[in-house]
C-alpha atoms as a PDB file:
ATOM      1  CA  MET A   1     -10.940  -7.581 -12.042  1.00  0.00           C
ATOM      2  CA  SER A   2      -8.892  -6.818  -8.941  1.00  0.00           C
ATOM      3  CA  LEU A   3      -5.387  -8.187  -8.604  1.00  0.00           C
ATOM      4  CA  ARG A   4      -5.250 -10.503  -5.589  1.00  0.00           C
ATOM      5  CA  ILE A   5      -2.658 -12.300  -3.535  1.00  0.00           C
ATOM      6  CA  ASN A   6      -1.300 -15.380  -5.381  1.00  0.00           C
ATOM      7  CA  ASP A   7      -2.451 -14.118  -8.782  1.00  0.00           C
ATOM      8  CA  VAL A   8       0.194 -14.216 -11.496  1.00  0.00           C
ATOM      9  CA  VAL A   9       1.010 -10.544 -12.024  1.00  0.00           C
ATOM     10  CA  PRO A  10       0.490  -9.012 -15.464  1.00  0.00           C
ATOM     11  CA  ASP A  11       3.374  -9.296 -17.878  1.00  0.00           C
ATOM     12  CA  PHE A  12       4.159  -6.264 -19.983  1.00  0.00           C
ATOM     13  CA  THR A  13       6.776  -4.621 -22.140  1.00  0.00           C
ATOM     14  CA  ALA A  14       7.698  -1.086 -21.088  1.00  0.00           C
ATOM     15  CA  GLN A  15      10.259   1.642 -21.478  1.00  0.00           C
ATOM     16  CA  THR A  16      12.356   2.613 -18.468  1.00  0.00           C
ATOM     17  CA  ASP A  17      15.140   5.105 -17.875  1.00  0.00           C
ATOM     18  CA  GLN A  18      17.480   2.128 -18.438  1.00  0.00           C
ATOM     19  CA  GLY A  19      15.868   0.890 -21.665  1.00  0.00           C
ATOM     20  CA  GLU A  20      13.074  -1.518 -22.586  1.00  0.00           C
ATOM     21  CA  ILE A  21      12.101  -4.427 -20.320  1.00  0.00           C
ATOM     22  CA  ARG A  22       9.686  -7.324 -20.472  1.00  0.00           C
ATOM     23  CA  PHE A  23       8.526  -7.618 -16.884  1.00  0.00           C
ATOM     24  CA  HIS A  24       8.416 -11.397 -16.288  1.00  0.00           C
ATOM     25  CA  GLU A  25      11.703 -11.832 -18.129  1.00  0.00           C
ATOM     26  CA  TRP A  26      13.242  -9.003 -16.096  1.00  0.00           C
ATOM     27  CA  ILE A  27      12.188 -10.683 -12.823  1.00  0.00           C
ATOM     28  CA  GLY A  28      13.755 -13.974 -13.888  1.00  0.00           C
ATOM     29  CA  ASP A  29      14.402 -16.267 -10.905  1.00  0.00           C
ATOM     30  CA  ASN A  30      14.448 -13.381  -8.443  1.00  0.00           C
ATOM     31  CA  TRP A  31      11.959 -11.862  -6.085  1.00  0.00           C
ATOM     32  CA  ALA A  32      10.816  -8.421  -7.202  1.00  0.00           C
ATOM     33  CA  ILE A  33       9.414  -5.256  -5.670  1.00  0.00           C
ATOM     34  CA  LEU A  34       7.396  -2.939  -7.901  1.00  0.00           C
ATOM     35  CA  PHE A  35       6.756   0.386  -6.193  1.00  0.00           C
ATOM     36  CA  SER A  36       4.716   3.113  -7.776  1.00  0.00           C
ATOM     37  CA  HIS A  37       4.196   6.828  -7.349  1.00  0.00           C
ATOM     38  CA  PRO A  38       1.899   9.469  -8.863  1.00  0.00           C
ATOM     39  CA  LYS A  39       4.406  11.927 -10.320  1.00  0.00           C
ATOM     40  CA  ASP A  40       8.122  12.665 -10.668  1.00  0.00           C
ATOM     41  CA  PHE A  41       9.698  15.565  -8.764  1.00  0.00           C
ATOM     42  CA  THR A  42       7.374  15.160  -5.758  1.00  0.00           C
ATOM     43  CA  PRO A  43       8.798  15.453  -2.217  1.00  0.00           C
ATOM     44  CA  ILE A  44       7.626  12.295  -0.443  1.00  0.00           C
ATOM     45  CA  CYS A  45       8.384   9.987  -3.357  1.00  0.00           C
ATOM     46  CA  THR A  46      11.842  11.501  -3.710  1.00  0.00           C
ATOM     47  CA  THR A  47      12.634  10.527  -0.115  1.00  0.00           C
ATOM     48  CA  GLU A  48      11.228   7.016  -0.723  1.00  0.00           C
ATOM     49  CA  PHE A  49      13.223   6.447  -3.881  1.00  0.00           C
ATOM     50  CA  GLY A  50      16.302   7.736  -2.064  1.00  0.00           C
ATOM     51  CA  ALA A  51      15.791   5.221   0.735  1.00  0.00           C
ATOM     52  CA  THR A  52      15.360   2.449  -1.829  1.00  0.00           C
ATOM     53  CA  ALA A  53      18.677   3.401  -3.420  1.00  0.00           C
ATOM     54  CA  GLN A  54      20.415   3.339  -0.027  1.00  0.00           C
ATOM     55  CA  MET A  55      19.134  -0.214   0.579  1.00  0.00           C
ATOM     56  CA  ALA A  56      20.689  -1.693  -2.579  1.00  0.00           C
ATOM     57  CA  GLY A  57      22.780  -4.099  -0.511  1.00  0.00           C
ATOM     58  CA  ASP A  58      19.697  -5.401   1.312  1.00  0.00           C
ATOM     59  CA  TRP A  59      17.818  -6.105  -1.911  1.00  0.00           C
ATOM     60  CA  ALA A  60      20.840  -7.936  -3.342  1.00  0.00           C
ATOM     61  CA  LYS A  61      21.253  -9.992  -0.146  1.00  0.00           C
ATOM     62  CA  TYR A  62      17.716 -11.297  -0.498  1.00  0.00           C
ATOM     63  CA  ASN A  63      17.883 -11.971  -4.246  1.00  0.00           C
ATOM     64  CA  THR A  64      15.407  -9.187  -4.968  1.00  0.00           C
ATOM     65  CA  LYS A  65      15.142  -6.720  -7.827  1.00  0.00           C
ATOM     66  CA  VAL A  66      13.426  -3.376  -7.260  1.00  0.00           C
ATOM     67  CA  ILE A  67      11.771  -1.271  -9.934  1.00  0.00           C
ATOM     68  CA  GLY A  68       9.844   1.978  -9.748  1.00  0.00           C
ATOM     69  CA  ILE A  69       6.946   3.084 -11.923  1.00  0.00           C
ATOM     70  CA  SER A  70       5.443   6.477 -12.657  1.00  0.00           C
ATOM     71  CA  VAL A  71       2.934   7.817 -15.148  1.00  0.00           C
ATOM     72  CA  ASP A  72       5.613  10.273 -16.302  1.00  0.00           C
ATOM     73  CA  GLY A  73       8.002   9.702 -19.195  1.00  0.00           C
ATOM     74  CA  VAL A  74      11.542   8.417 -19.566  1.00  0.00           C
ATOM     75  CA  GLU A  75      13.177  11.838 -19.843  1.00  0.00           C
ATOM     76  CA  GLU A  76      11.442  13.034 -16.667  1.00  0.00           C
ATOM     77  CA  HIS A  77      12.688   9.895 -14.907  1.00  0.00           C
ATOM     78  CA  LYS A  78      16.265  10.551 -15.992  1.00  0.00           C
ATOM     79  CA  GLY A  79      16.102  14.119 -14.693  1.00  0.00           C
ATOM     80  CA  TRP A  80      14.467  13.075 -11.447  1.00  0.00           C
ATOM     81  CA  LYS A  81      17.180  10.475 -10.789  1.00  0.00           C
ATOM     82  CA  THR A  82      19.594  13.369 -10.219  1.00  0.00           C
ATOM     83  CA  ASP A  83      17.429  14.654  -7.363  1.00  0.00           C
ATOM     84  CA  ILE A  84      16.933  11.159  -5.948  1.00  0.00           C
ATOM     85  CA  GLU A  85      20.674  10.539  -5.870  1.00  0.00           C
ATOM     86  CA  LYS A  86      21.281  13.929  -4.234  1.00  0.00           C
ATOM     87  CA  VAL A  87      18.833  13.045  -1.443  1.00  0.00           C
ATOM     88  CA  ALA A  88      20.162   9.486  -1.113  1.00  0.00           C
ATOM     89  CA  GLY A  89      23.840  10.328  -1.280  1.00  0.00           C
ATOM     90  CA  CYS A  90      24.362   7.332  -3.564  1.00  0.00           C
ATOM     91  CA  LYS A  91      23.530   5.996  -7.018  1.00  0.00           C
ATOM     92  CA  ALA A  92      19.965   4.894  -7.760  1.00  0.00           C
ATOM     93  CA  ASP A  93      20.679   1.907  -9.983  1.00  0.00           C
ATOM     94  CA  PHE A  94      17.157   0.520 -10.185  1.00  0.00           C
ATOM     95  CA  PRO A  95      15.017   1.288 -13.278  1.00  0.00           C
ATOM     96  CA  ILE A  96      11.875   3.436 -13.318  1.00  0.00           C
ATOM     97  CA  ILE A  97       9.088   2.438 -15.706  1.00  0.00           C
ATOM     98  CA  ALA A  98       7.404   5.086 -17.849  1.00  0.00           C
ATOM     99  CA  ASP A  99       3.652   4.428 -17.826  1.00  0.00           C
ATOM    100  CA  GLU A 100       2.346   7.496 -19.635  1.00  0.00           C
ATOM    101  CA  ASP A 101      -0.615   5.628 -21.165  1.00  0.00           C
ATOM    102  CA  LEU A 102      -1.599   4.204 -17.719  1.00  0.00           C
ATOM    103  CA  LYS A 103      -1.732   0.639 -19.051  1.00  0.00           C
ATOM    104  CA  ILE A 104       0.388  -0.799 -16.268  1.00  0.00           C
ATOM    105  CA  ALA A 105      -1.261   1.227 -13.487  1.00  0.00           C
ATOM    106  CA  LYS A 106      -4.634  -0.049 -14.694  1.00  0.00           C
ATOM    107  CA  ALA A 107      -3.432  -3.639 -15.136  1.00  0.00           C
ATOM    108  CA  PHE A 108      -2.251  -3.623 -11.511  1.00  0.00           C
ATOM    109  CA  ASP A 109      -5.573  -2.114 -10.391  1.00  0.00           C
ATOM    110  CA  MET A 110      -4.070   1.169  -9.239  1.00  0.00           C
ATOM    111  CA  LEU A 111      -6.388   3.322 -11.379  1.00  0.00           C
ATOM    112  CA  PRO A 112      -9.958   2.897 -12.642  1.00  0.00           C
ATOM    113  CA  ALA A 113     -10.303   1.544 -16.169  1.00  0.00           C
ATOM    114  CA  ASP A 114     -11.695   4.863 -17.413  1.00  0.00           C
ATOM    115  CA  ALA A 115      -8.990   7.003 -15.782  1.00  0.00           C
ATOM    116  CA  TYR A 116      -7.111   9.503 -17.935  1.00  0.00           C
ATOM    117  CA  LEU A 117      -4.590  12.258 -17.340  1.00  0.00           C
ATOM    118  CA  PRO A 118      -5.808  15.792 -18.020  1.00  0.00           C
ATOM    119  CA  ASP A 119      -3.544  18.498 -19.390  1.00  0.00           C
ATOM    120  CA  GLY A 120      -1.549  20.143 -16.634  1.00  0.00           C
ATOM    121  CA  ARG A 121      -2.280  17.285 -14.266  1.00  0.00           C
ATOM    122  CA  THR A 122      -1.196  17.289 -10.640  1.00  0.00           C
ATOM    123  CA  PRO A 123      -0.264  14.282  -8.452  1.00  0.00           C
ATOM    124  CA  ALA A 124      -3.885  14.258  -7.249  1.00  0.00           C
ATOM    125  CA  ASP A 125      -4.989  12.993 -10.670  1.00  0.00           C
ATOM    126  CA  SER A 126      -3.031   9.783 -10.119  1.00  0.00           C
ATOM    127  CA  ALA A 127      -3.029   9.729  -6.327  1.00  0.00           C
ATOM    128  CA  THR A 128      -3.908   6.044  -6.087  1.00  0.00           C
ATOM    129  CA  VAL A 129      -0.637   5.144  -7.787  1.00  0.00           C
ATOM    130  CA  ARG A 130       1.087   4.764  -4.387  1.00  0.00           C
ATOM    131  CA  ASN A 131       1.547   1.038  -4.057  1.00  0.00           C
ATOM    132  CA  VAL A 132       4.138  -1.605  -3.226  1.00  0.00           C
ATOM    133  CA  PHE A 133       3.856  -5.038  -4.834  1.00  0.00           C
ATOM    134  CA  ILE A 134       6.116  -7.874  -3.660  1.00  0.00           C
ATOM    135  CA  ILE A 135       6.305 -10.597  -6.301  1.00  0.00           C
ATOM    136  CA  GLY A 136       7.836 -14.071  -6.032  1.00  0.00           C
ATOM    137  CA  PRO A 137      10.080 -15.858  -8.532  1.00  0.00           C
ATOM    138  CA  ASP A 138       6.920 -17.717  -9.623  1.00  0.00           C
ATOM    139  CA  LYS A 139       5.619 -14.310 -10.816  1.00  0.00           C
ATOM    140  CA  LYS A 140       2.794 -14.474  -8.274  1.00  0.00           C
ATOM    141  CA  LEU A 141       1.764 -11.534  -6.124  1.00  0.00           C
ATOM    142  CA  LYS A 142       2.757 -12.106  -2.498  1.00  0.00           C
ATOM    143  CA  LEU A 143       1.898  -8.799  -0.815  1.00  0.00           C
ATOM    144  CA  ILE A 144       0.358  -5.383  -1.546  1.00  0.00           C
ATOM    145  CA  MET A 145       0.811  -2.161   0.453  1.00  0.00           C
ATOM    146  CA  VAL A 146      -1.127   1.005  -0.400  1.00  0.00           C
ATOM    147  CA  TYR A 147      -0.287   4.411   1.057  1.00  0.00           C
ATOM    148  CA  PRO A 148      -1.784   7.899   0.709  1.00  0.00           C
ATOM    149  CA  MET A 149       0.255  10.686  -0.862  1.00  0.00           C
ATOM    150  CA  ASN A 150       1.070  12.481   2.371  1.00  0.00           C
ATOM    151  CA  VAL A 151       2.523   9.514   4.292  1.00  0.00           C
ATOM    152  CA  GLY A 152       5.860   8.074   3.244  1.00  0.00           C
ATOM    153  CA  ARG A 153       6.196   4.342   2.870  1.00  0.00           C
ATOM    154  CA  ASN A 154       8.404   2.595   5.418  1.00  0.00           C
ATOM    155  CA  PHE A 155      10.960   0.686   3.357  1.00  0.00           C
ATOM    156  CA  ASN A 156      12.374  -0.947   6.471  1.00  0.00           C
ATOM    157  CA  GLU A 157       8.933  -2.549   6.776  1.00  0.00           C
ATOM    158  CA  VAL A 158       9.000  -3.477   3.085  1.00  0.00           C
ATOM    159  CA  LEU A 159      12.311  -5.247   3.710  1.00  0.00           C
ATOM    160  CA  ARG A 160      11.000  -6.950   6.865  1.00  0.00           C
ATOM    161  CA  ALA A 161       7.927  -8.154   4.982  1.00  0.00           C
ATOM    162  CA  LEU A 162      10.107  -9.441   2.153  1.00  0.00           C
ATOM    163  CA  ILE A 163      12.269 -11.438   4.562  1.00  0.00           C
ATOM    164  CA  ALA A 164       9.139 -12.754   6.306  1.00  0.00           C
ATOM    165  CA  LEU A 165       7.657 -13.902   2.987  1.00  0.00           C
ATOM    166  CA  GLN A 166      10.882 -15.620   2.001  1.00  0.00           C
ATOM    167  CA  THR A 167      11.202 -17.272   5.408  1.00  0.00           C
ATOM    168  CA  ALA A 168       7.619 -18.536   5.340  1.00  0.00           C
ATOM    169  CA  ALA A 169       7.994 -19.876   1.813  1.00  0.00           C
ATOM    170  CA  GLY A 170      11.403 -21.437   2.356  1.00  0.00           C
ATOM    171  CA  GLU A 171      10.780 -23.016   5.761  1.00  0.00           C
ATOM    172  CA  GLY A 172       7.081 -23.952   5.520  1.00  0.00           C
ATOM    173  CA  VAL A 173       6.207 -21.860   8.576  1.00  0.00           C
ATOM    174  CA  SER A 174       4.040 -18.851   9.416  1.00  0.00           C
ATOM    175  CA  ILE A 175       5.209 -15.491  10.726  1.00  0.00           C
ATOM    176  CA  PRO A 176       3.681 -14.079  13.950  1.00  0.00           C
ATOM    177  CA  VAL A 177       2.929 -10.486  14.906  1.00  0.00           C
ATOM    178  CA  ASN A 178       5.821  -7.999  15.074  1.00  0.00           C
ATOM    179  CA  TRP A 179       8.265 -10.636  13.866  1.00  0.00           C
ATOM    180  CA  ASN A 180      11.836  -9.741  13.037  1.00  0.00           C
ATOM    181  CA  PRO A 181      14.539 -11.986  11.565  1.00  0.00           C
ATOM    182  CA  GLY A 182      15.798 -14.329  14.265  1.00  0.00           C
ATOM    183  CA  ASP A 183      12.531 -14.336  16.210  1.00  0.00           C
ATOM    184  CA  SER A 184      10.472 -17.485  16.718  1.00  0.00           C
ATOM    185  CA  VAL A 185       8.116 -18.602  13.956  1.00  0.00           C
ATOM    186  CA  VAL A 186       4.855 -20.551  14.049  1.00  0.00           C
ATOM    187  CA  ILE A 187       4.781 -24.142  12.827  1.00  0.00           C
ATOM    188  CA  PRO A 188       1.799 -25.559  10.900  1.00  0.00           C
ATOM    189  CA  GLY A 189      -0.916 -27.493  12.686  1.00  0.00           C
ATOM    190  CA  THR A 190      -0.362 -30.426  10.345  1.00  0.00           C
ATOM    191  CA  LEU A 191       3.067 -31.044  11.882  1.00  0.00           C
ATOM    192  CA  SER A 192       3.088 -33.225  15.004  1.00  0.00           C
ATOM    193  CA  ASP A 193       5.098 -32.228  18.072  1.00  0.00           C
ATOM    194  CA  GLU A 194       7.414 -35.188  17.479  1.00  0.00           C
ATOM    195  CA  ASP A 195       8.082 -34.265  13.859  1.00  0.00           C
ATOM    196  CA  ALA A 196       8.497 -30.624  14.811  1.00  0.00           C
ATOM    197  CA  LYS A 197      11.094 -31.506  17.448  1.00  0.00           C
ATOM    198  CA  ARG A 198      13.001 -33.658  14.979  1.00  0.00           C
ATOM    199  CA  LYS A 199      12.968 -30.864  12.403  1.00  0.00           C
ATOM    200  CA  TYR A 200      13.454 -27.776  14.553  1.00  0.00           C
ATOM    201  CA  GLY A 201      14.449 -28.816  18.051  1.00  0.00           C
ATOM    202  CA  GLU A 202      12.627 -27.363  21.035  1.00  0.00           C
ATOM    203  CA  VAL A 203       8.934 -26.521  20.508  1.00  0.00           C
ATOM    204  CA  GLU A 204       7.222 -23.819  22.581  1.00  0.00           C
ATOM    205  CA  THR A 205       3.527 -24.669  22.967  1.00  0.00           C
ATOM    206  CA  VAL A 206       1.667 -21.435  23.749  1.00  0.00           C
ATOM    207  CA  LEU A 207      -1.735 -22.918  22.885  1.00  0.00           C
ATOM    208  CA  PRO A 208      -2.580 -26.267  21.298  1.00  0.00           C
ATOM    209  CA  TYR A 209      -2.899 -24.443  17.968  1.00  0.00           C
ATOM    210  CA  LEU A 210      -0.056 -21.949  18.548  1.00  0.00           C
ATOM    211  CA  ARG A 211       3.370 -23.571  18.626  1.00  0.00           C
ATOM    212  CA  LYS A 212       6.607 -21.693  18.102  1.00  0.00           C
ATOM    213  CA  VAL A 213      10.132 -22.717  17.191  1.00  0.00           C
ATOM    214  CA  LYS A 214      13.439 -21.038  16.536  1.00  0.00           C
ATOM    215  CA  LEU A 215      14.822 -21.661  13.091  1.00  0.00           C
ATOM    216  CA  PRO A 216      18.445 -22.818  12.888  1.00  0.00           C
ATOM    217  CA  GLY A 217      20.995 -20.210  11.965  1.00  0.00           C
END
């Protein structure tokens, strides 16, 4: 069965380059980003993991843990971290899960149930393992992004989406197209103009069903 938005994500115990974790316990009361890739020592993923390392302060600011996953093993991950840190110019303190038996990739619907890894595999054998999952403190899936192997993920967009999700959840609003932090948000139709003004201040009525406000702060 496919994993869908608002499903509780699978819990699992796994080895990482930083030791064993139990996923739900590791998330705790934080938000979490699980980002996957098809193989260690590949060029595009190395740049992505480097960017993730550089954004450590952003993840901490928004109470978010990040964790990578690959279908390679722990020792490969440890060796690859050296390359990642060389590209990033900083430490990569987040863990990388070893998913050599594909259990996690299959549980998160990244690979078919009958998928296996042939001897001498290439990244093409696990090409669909190129996903980003944003998960809330309630352990529910909030967002999925899927990219091909030859296009790097935009982690500035991952951060923007994370902030948008947190803003929507925390303020009870919706987020319009091309939104950035500080931009106007959309208030729910169930809120009257009077209640909206009391809560937010000035209300911009674009259409009867499209009303925007600026959030305080």
